[in-house]
Amino acid sequence: MQILYIHGKGGSAEESEHYKPLFPGDEVIGLDYQTFSPWETGQEIRSAVDELARKYEDICLIANSIGAFFSMKA
């Protein structure tokens, strides 16, 4: 399974490291989005998920704070 972490305001993709021990045997990556509006960031997240879906059957999304809001817009 692929784990995709979406950080909150002021966060970074490196926060995904925290989740690696919780998902042994699965790949955990963070998305360092470059935009900050719900529509643009939602599209960045959607694109990342679409790309992962071509490689993985199962994807788990973990999001924090505004990252969760952006994810819902994706």
PDB file of N, CA and C in Angstrom:
ATOM      1  N   MET A   1       0.853  -1.179   0.000  1.00  0.00           N
ATOM      2  CA  MET A   1       0.000   0.000   0.000  1.00  0.00           C
ATOM      3  C   MET A   1       0.893   1.235   0.000  1.00  0.00           C
ATOM      4  N   GLN A   2       0.445   2.258  -0.667  1.00  0.00           N
ATOM      5  CA  GLN A   2       1.129   3.549  -0.711  1.00  0.00           C
ATOM      6  C   GLN A   2       0.425   4.498   0.252  1.00  0.00           C
ATOM      7  N   ILE A   3       1.186   5.146   1.115  1.00  0.00           N
ATOM      8  CA  ILE A   3       0.652   6.131   2.051  1.00  0.00           C
ATOM      9  C   ILE A   3       1.086   7.502   1.556  1.00  0.00           C
ATOM     10  N   LEU A   4       0.131   8.422   1.377  1.00  0.00           N
ATOM     11  CA  LEU A   4       0.426   9.782   0.944  1.00  0.00           C
ATOM     12  C   LEU A   4       0.043  10.737   2.066  1.00  0.00           C
ATOM     13  N   TYR A   5       1.006  11.520   2.525  1.00  0.00           N
ATOM     14  CA  TYR A   5       0.789  12.477   3.610  1.00  0.00           C
ATOM     15  C   TYR A   5       0.706  13.895   3.038  1.00  0.00           C
ATOM     16  N   ILE A   6      -0.330  14.633   3.469  1.00  0.00           N
ATOM     17  CA  ILE A   6      -0.522  16.023   3.063  1.00  0.00           C
ATOM     18  C   ILE A   6      -0.391  16.883   4.317  1.00  0.00           C
ATOM     19  N   HIS A   7       0.605  17.740   4.336  1.00  0.00           N
ATOM     20  CA  HIS A   7       0.882  18.554   5.530  1.00  0.00           C
ATOM     21  C   HIS A   7      -0.065  19.735   5.662  1.00  0.00           C
ATOM     22  N   GLY A   8      -0.047  20.337   6.823  1.00  0.00           N
ATOM     23  CA  GLY A   8      -0.828  21.538   7.099  1.00  0.00           C
ATOM     24  C   GLY A   8      -0.012  22.798   6.838  1.00  0.00           C
ATOM     25  N   LYS A   9      -0.592  23.943   7.175  1.00  0.00           N
ATOM     26  CA  LYS A   9       0.065  25.235   6.958  1.00  0.00           C
ATOM     27  C   LYS A   9       1.371  25.293   7.746  1.00  0.00           C
ATOM     28  N   GLY A  10       2.422  25.710   7.073  1.00  0.00           N
ATOM     29  CA  GLY A  10       3.720  25.815   7.711  1.00  0.00           C
ATOM     30  C   GLY A  10       4.450  24.490   7.845  1.00  0.00           C
ATOM     31  N   GLY A  11       3.826  23.411   7.388  1.00  0.00           N
ATOM     32  CA  GLY A  11       4.438  22.087   7.476  1.00  0.00           C
ATOM     33  C   GLY A  11       5.242  21.760   6.234  1.00  0.00           C
ATOM     34  N   SER A  12       5.663  20.516   6.170  1.00  0.00           N
ATOM     35  CA  SER A  12       6.425  20.081   5.003  1.00  0.00           C
ATOM     36  C   SER A  12       6.227  18.588   4.782  1.00  0.00           C
ATOM     37  N   ALA A  13       6.636  18.151   3.615  1.00  0.00           N
ATOM     38  CA  ALA A  13       6.528  16.737   3.253  1.00  0.00           C
ATOM     39  C   ALA A  13       7.360  15.866   4.186  1.00  0.00           C
ATOM     40  N   GLU A  14       8.404  16.423   4.779  1.00  0.00           N
ATOM     41  CA  GLU A  14       9.268  15.652   5.681  1.00  0.00           C
ATOM     42  C   GLU A  14       8.518  15.134   6.906  1.00  0.00           C
ATOM     43  N   GLU A  15       7.389  15.740   7.243  1.00  0.00           N
ATOM     44  CA  GLU A  15       6.583  15.265   8.370  1.00  0.00           C
ATOM     45  C   GLU A  15       6.091  13.840   8.144  1.00  0.00           C
ATOM     46  N   SER A  16       6.099  13.391   6.897  1.00  0.00           N
ATOM     47  CA  SER A  16       5.664  12.027   6.592  1.00  0.00           C
ATOM     48  C   SER A  16       6.553  11.002   7.289  1.00  0.00           C
ATOM     49  N   GLU A  17       7.776  11.383   7.641  1.00  0.00           N
ATOM     50  CA  GLU A  17       8.696  10.476   8.344  1.00  0.00           C
ATOM     51  C   GLU A  17       8.085   9.956   9.647  1.00  0.00           C
ATOM     52  N   HIS A  18       7.267  10.777  10.289  1.00  0.00           N
ATOM     53  CA  HIS A  18       6.608  10.394  11.539  1.00  0.00           C
ATOM     54  C   HIS A  18       5.732   9.150  11.356  1.00  0.00           C
ATOM     55  N   TYR A  19       5.159   8.982  10.175  1.00  0.00           N
ATOM     56  CA  TYR A  19       4.205   7.903   9.926  1.00  0.00           C
ATOM     57  C   TYR A  19       4.854   6.593   9.490  1.00  0.00           C
ATOM     58  N   LYS A  20       6.103   6.631   9.101  1.00  0.00           N
ATOM     59  CA  LYS A  20       6.769   5.415   8.615  1.00  0.00           C
ATOM     60  C   LYS A  20       6.764   4.277   9.635  1.00  0.00           C
ATOM     61  N   PRO A  21       7.032   4.536  10.921  1.00  0.00           N
ATOM     62  CA  PRO A  21       6.981   3.435  11.890  1.00  0.00           C
ATOM     63  C   PRO A  21       5.571   2.867  12.088  1.00  0.00           C
ATOM     64  N   LEU A  22       4.555   3.664  11.764  1.00  0.00           N
ATOM     65  CA  LEU A  22       3.176   3.214  11.934  1.00  0.00           C
ATOM     66  C   LEU A  22       2.712   2.311  10.794  1.00  0.00           C
ATOM     67  N   PHE A  23       3.445   2.335   9.683  1.00  0.00           N
ATOM     68  CA  PHE A  23       3.085   1.547   8.501  1.00  0.00           C
ATOM     69  C   PHE A  23       4.283   0.738   8.014  1.00  0.00           C
ATOM     70  N   PRO A  24       4.793  -0.169   8.849  1.00  0.00           N
ATOM     71  CA  PRO A  24       5.941  -0.960   8.405  1.00  0.00           C
ATOM     72  C   PRO A  24       5.554  -1.806   7.184  1.00  0.00           C
ATOM     73  N   GLY A  25       6.437  -1.846   6.240  1.00  0.00           N
ATOM     74  CA  GLY A  25       6.169  -2.624   5.034  1.00  0.00           C
ATOM     75  C   GLY A  25       5.461  -1.844   3.943  1.00  0.00           C
ATOM     76  N   ASP A  26       4.996  -0.640   4.250  1.00  0.00           N
ATOM     77  CA  ASP A  26       4.342   0.199   3.247  1.00  0.00           C
ATOM     78  C   ASP A  26       5.213   1.413   2.958  1.00  0.00           C
ATOM     79  N   GLU A  27       5.066   1.961   1.779  1.00  0.00           N
ATOM     80  CA  GLU A  27       5.817   3.155   1.418  1.00  0.00           C
ATOM     81  C   GLU A  27       5.029   4.391   1.856  1.00  0.00           C
ATOM     82  N   VAL A  28       5.694   5.282   2.564  1.00  0.00           N
ATOM     83  CA  VAL A  28       5.074   6.526   3.036  1.00  0.00           C
ATOM     84  C   VAL A  28       5.813   7.689   2.393  1.00  0.00           C
ATOM     85  N   ILE A  29       5.065   8.549   1.697  1.00  0.00           N
ATOM     86  CA  ILE A  29       5.669   9.738   1.094  1.00  0.00           C
ATOM     87  C   ILE A  29       4.833  10.957   1.466  1.00  0.00           C
ATOM     88  N   GLY A  30       5.461  12.104   1.423  1.00  0.00           N
ATOM     89  CA  GLY A  30       4.759  13.361   1.669  1.00  0.00           C
ATOM     90  C   GLY A  30       4.693  14.174   0.394  1.00  0.00           C
ATOM     91  N   LEU A  31       3.623  14.925   0.252  1.00  0.00           N
ATOM     92  CA  LEU A  31       3.461  15.821  -0.898  1.00  0.00           C
ATOM     93  C   LEU A  31       3.791  17.230  -0.437  1.00  0.00           C
ATOM     94  N   ASP A  32       4.756  17.852  -1.082  1.00  0.00           N
ATOM     95  CA  ASP A  32       5.123  19.229  -0.771  1.00  0.00           C
ATOM     96  C   ASP A  32       4.434  20.123  -1.792  1.00  0.00           C
ATOM     97  N   TYR A  33       3.159  20.436  -1.559  1.00  0.00           N
ATOM     98  CA  TYR A  33       2.404  21.216  -2.530  1.00  0.00           C
ATOM     99  C   TYR A  33       2.970  22.635  -2.637  1.00  0.00           C
ATOM    100  N   GLN A  34       2.773  23.242  -3.808  1.00  0.00           N
ATOM    101  CA  GLN A  34       3.375  24.537  -4.122  1.00  0.00           C
ATOM    102  C   GLN A  34       2.371  25.676  -4.163  1.00  0.00           C
ATOM    103  N   THR A  35       1.086  25.367  -4.109  1.00  0.00           N
ATOM    104  CA  THR A  35       0.051  26.395  -4.160  1.00  0.00           C
ATOM    105  C   THR A  35      -0.671  26.431  -2.816  1.00  0.00           C
ATOM    106  N   PHE A  36      -1.501  27.457  -2.615  1.00  0.00           N
ATOM    107  CA  PHE A  36      -2.133  27.594  -1.304  1.00  0.00           C
ATOM    108  C   PHE A  36      -3.597  28.000  -1.375  1.00  0.00           C
ATOM    109  N   SER A  37      -4.228  27.769  -2.514  1.00  0.00           N
ATOM    110  CA  SER A  37      -5.671  27.976  -2.595  1.00  0.00           C
ATOM    111  C   SER A  37      -6.330  26.601  -2.646  1.00  0.00           C
ATOM    112  N   PRO A  38      -7.544  26.476  -2.143  1.00  0.00           N
ATOM    113  CA  PRO A  38      -8.207  25.166  -2.145  1.00  0.00           C
ATOM    114  C   PRO A  38      -8.292  24.539  -3.535  1.00  0.00           C
ATOM    115  N   TRP A  39      -8.519  25.344  -4.559  1.00  0.00           N
ATOM    116  CA  TRP A  39      -8.709  24.809  -5.904  1.00  0.00           C
ATOM    117  C   TRP A  39      -7.393  24.368  -6.514  1.00  0.00           C
ATOM    118  N   GLU A  40      -6.374  25.210  -6.407  1.00  0.00           N
ATOM    119  CA  GLU A  40      -5.081  24.862  -6.990  1.00  0.00           C
ATOM    120  C   GLU A  40      -4.415  23.711  -6.234  1.00  0.00           C
ATOM    121  N   THR A  41      -4.433  23.785  -4.911  1.00  0.00           N
ATOM    122  CA  THR A  41      -3.807  22.731  -4.124  1.00  0.00           C
ATOM    123  C   THR A  41      -4.585  21.430  -4.269  1.00  0.00           C
ATOM    124  N   GLY A  42      -5.904  21.528  -4.340  1.00  0.00           N
ATOM    125  CA  GLY A  42      -6.717  20.338  -4.583  1.00  0.00           C
ATOM    126  C   GLY A  42      -6.324  19.663  -5.878  1.00  0.00           C
ATOM    127  N   GLN A  43      -6.035  20.450  -6.897  1.00  0.00           N
ATOM    128  CA  GLN A  43      -5.613  19.883  -8.184  1.00  0.00           C
ATOM    129  C   GLN A  43      -4.243  19.226  -8.069  1.00  0.00           C
ATOM    130  N   GLU A  44      -3.330  19.838  -7.305  1.00  0.00           N
ATOM    131  CA  GLU A  44      -2.011  19.219  -7.088  1.00  0.00           C
ATOM    132  C   GLU A  44      -2.165  17.858  -6.412  1.00  0.00           C
ATOM    133  N   ILE A  45      -3.027  17.800  -5.413  1.00  0.00           N
ATOM    134  CA  ILE A  45      -3.247  16.545  -4.683  1.00  0.00           C
ATOM    135  C   ILE A  45      -3.881  15.515  -5.612  1.00  0.00           C
ATOM    136  N   ARG A  46      -4.882  15.931  -6.370  1.00  0.00           N
ATOM    137  CA  ARG A  46      -5.558  15.028  -7.310  1.00  0.00           C
ATOM    138  C   ARG A  46      -4.552  14.464  -8.312  1.00  0.00           C
ATOM    139  N   SER A  47      -3.672  15.300  -8.814  1.00  0.00           N
ATOM    140  CA  SER A  47      -2.660  14.841  -9.770  1.00  0.00           C
ATOM    141  C   SER A  47      -1.722  13.818  -9.132  1.00  0.00           C
ATOM    142  N   ALA A  48      -1.314  14.075  -7.898  1.00  0.00           N
ATOM    143  CA  ALA A  48      -0.429  13.143  -7.195  1.00  0.00           C
ATOM    144  C   ALA A  48      -1.122  11.799  -6.976  1.00  0.00           C
ATOM    145  N   VAL A  49      -2.385  11.838  -6.577  1.00  0.00           N
ATOM    146  CA  VAL A  49      -3.140  10.604  -6.346  1.00  0.00           C
ATOM    147  C   VAL A  49      -3.342   9.855  -7.660  1.00  0.00           C
ATOM    148  N   ASP A  50      -3.668  10.576  -8.723  1.00  0.00           N
ATOM    149  CA  ASP A  50      -3.839   9.933 -10.028  1.00  0.00           C
ATOM    150  C   ASP A  50      -2.559   9.235 -10.468  1.00  0.00           C
ATOM    151  N   GLU A  51      -1.422   9.878 -10.261  1.00  0.00           N
ATOM    152  CA  GLU A  51      -0.143   9.273 -10.625  1.00  0.00           C
ATOM    153  C   GLU A  51       0.124   8.025  -9.793  1.00  0.00           C
ATOM    154  N   LEU A  52      -0.138   8.099  -8.495  1.00  0.00           N
ATOM    155  CA  LEU A  52       0.062   6.939  -7.624  1.00  0.00           C
ATOM    156  C   LEU A  52      -0.886   5.798  -7.989  1.00  0.00           C
ATOM    157  N   ALA A  53      -2.095   6.137  -8.397  1.00  0.00           N
ATOM    158  CA  ALA A  53      -3.088   5.115  -8.739  1.00  0.00           C
ATOM    159  C   ALA A  53      -2.676   4.294  -9.952  1.00  0.00           C
ATOM    160  N   ARG A  54      -1.810   4.846 -10.791  1.00  0.00           N
ATOM    161  CA  ARG A  54      -1.309   4.087 -11.933  1.00  0.00           C
ATOM    162  C   ARG A  54      -0.303   3.029 -11.499  1.00  0.00           C
ATOM    163  N   LYS A  55       0.279   3.194 -10.302  1.00  0.00           N
ATOM    164  CA  LYS A  55       1.313   2.282  -9.823  1.00  0.00           C
ATOM    165  C   LYS A  55       0.850   1.373  -8.691  1.00  0.00           C
ATOM    166  N   TYR A  56      -0.130   1.832  -7.916  1.00  0.00           N
ATOM    167  CA  TYR A  56      -0.531   1.107  -6.711  1.00  0.00           C
ATOM    168  C   TYR A  56      -2.025   0.831  -6.727  1.00  0.00           C
ATOM    169  N   GLU A  57      -2.387  -0.337  -6.237  1.00  0.00           N
ATOM    170  CA  GLU A  57      -3.800  -0.689  -6.140  1.00  0.00           C
ATOM    171  C   GLU A  57      -4.447  -0.002  -4.943  1.00  0.00           C
ATOM    172  N   ASP A  58      -3.694   0.103  -3.838  1.00  0.00           N
ATOM    173  CA  ASP A  58      -4.216   0.703  -2.608  1.00  0.00           C
ATOM    174  C   ASP A  58      -3.418   1.938  -2.239  1.00  0.00           C
ATOM    175  N   ILE A  59      -4.127   3.038  -1.982  1.00  0.00           N
ATOM    176  CA  ILE A  59      -3.517   4.294  -1.555  1.00  0.00           C
ATOM    177  C   ILE A  59      -4.258   4.767  -0.312  1.00  0.00           C
ATOM    178  N   CYS A  60      -3.496   5.138   0.703  1.00  0.00           N
ATOM    179  CA  CYS A  60      -4.068   5.697   1.929  1.00  0.00           C
ATOM    180  C   CYS A  60      -3.616   7.149   2.030  1.00  0.00           C
ATOM    181  N   LEU A  61      -4.551   8.046   2.243  1.00  0.00           N
ATOM    182  CA  LEU A  61      -4.241   9.464   2.361  1.00  0.00           C
ATOM    183  C   LEU A  61      -4.322   9.865   3.832  1.00  0.00           C
ATOM    184  N   ILE A  62      -3.267  10.495   4.321  1.00  0.00           N
ATOM    185  CA  ILE A  62      -3.244  11.060   5.668  1.00  0.00           C
ATOM    186  C   ILE A  62      -3.033  12.556   5.494  1.00  0.00           C
ATOM    187  N   ALA A  63      -3.877  13.358   6.113  1.00  0.00           N
ATOM    188  CA  ALA A  63      -3.760  14.804   5.956  1.00  0.00           C
ATOM    189  C   ALA A  63      -3.907  15.489   7.305  1.00  0.00           C
ATOM    190  N   ASN A  64      -3.213  16.593   7.452  1.00  0.00           N
ATOM    191  CA  ASN A  64      -3.187  17.345   8.698  1.00  0.00           C
ATOM    192  C   ASN A  64      -3.707  18.762   8.459  1.00  0.00           C
ATOM    193  N   SER A  65      -4.598  19.214   9.319  1.00  0.00           N
ATOM    194  CA  SER A  65      -5.046  20.600   9.344  1.00  0.00           C
ATOM    195  C   SER A  65      -5.567  21.055   7.984  1.00  0.00           C
ATOM    196  N   ILE A  66      -5.038  22.158   7.449  1.00  0.00           N
ATOM    197  CA  ILE A  66      -5.512  22.663   6.168  1.00  0.00           C
ATOM    198  C   ILE A  66      -5.227  21.670   5.042  1.00  0.00           C
ATOM    199  N   GLY A  67      -4.259  20.798   5.233  1.00  0.00           N
ATOM    200  CA  GLY A  67      -4.005  19.737   4.249  1.00  0.00           C
ATOM    201  C   GLY A  67      -5.203  18.838   4.081  1.00  0.00           C
ATOM    202  N   ALA A  68      -5.942  18.604   5.174  1.00  0.00           N
ATOM    203  CA  ALA A  68      -7.167  17.801   5.093  1.00  0.00           C
ATOM    204  C   ALA A  68      -8.235  18.534   4.283  1.00  0.00           C
ATOM    205  N   PHE A  69      -8.352  19.838   4.500  1.00  0.00           N
ATOM    206  CA  PHE A  69      -9.315  20.644   3.742  1.00  0.00           C
ATOM    207  C   PHE A  69      -8.958  20.629   2.257  1.00  0.00           C
ATOM    208  N   PHE A  70      -7.687  20.853   1.944  1.00  0.00           N
ATOM    209  CA  PHE A  70      -7.249  20.812   0.561  1.00  0.00           C
ATOM    210  C   PHE A  70      -7.525  19.444  -0.059  1.00  0.00           C
ATOM    211  N   SER A  71      -7.317  18.397   0.711  1.00  0.00           N
ATOM    212  CA  SER A  71      -7.548  17.034   0.217  1.00  0.00           C
ATOM    213  C   SER A  71      -9.007  16.802  -0.119  1.00  0.00           C
ATOM    214  N   MET A  72      -9.893  17.349   0.691  1.00  0.00           N
ATOM    215  CA  MET A  72     -11.321  17.198   0.402  1.00  0.00           C
ATOM    216  C   MET A  72     -11.685  17.920  -0.885  1.00  0.00           C
ATOM    217  N   LYS A  73     -10.980  18.992  -1.226  1.00  0.00           N
ATOM    218  CA  LYS A  73     -11.236  19.718  -2.462  1.00  0.00           C
ATOM    219  C   LYS A  73     -10.692  18.970  -3.676  1.00  0.00           C
ATOM    220  N   ALA A  74      -9.785  18.000  -3.409  1.00  0.00           N
ATOM    221  CA  ALA A  74      -9.208  17.229  -4.515  1.00  0.00           C
ATOM    222  C   ALA A  74     -10.233  16.252  -5.044  1.00  0.00           C
TER     223      ALA A  74
END
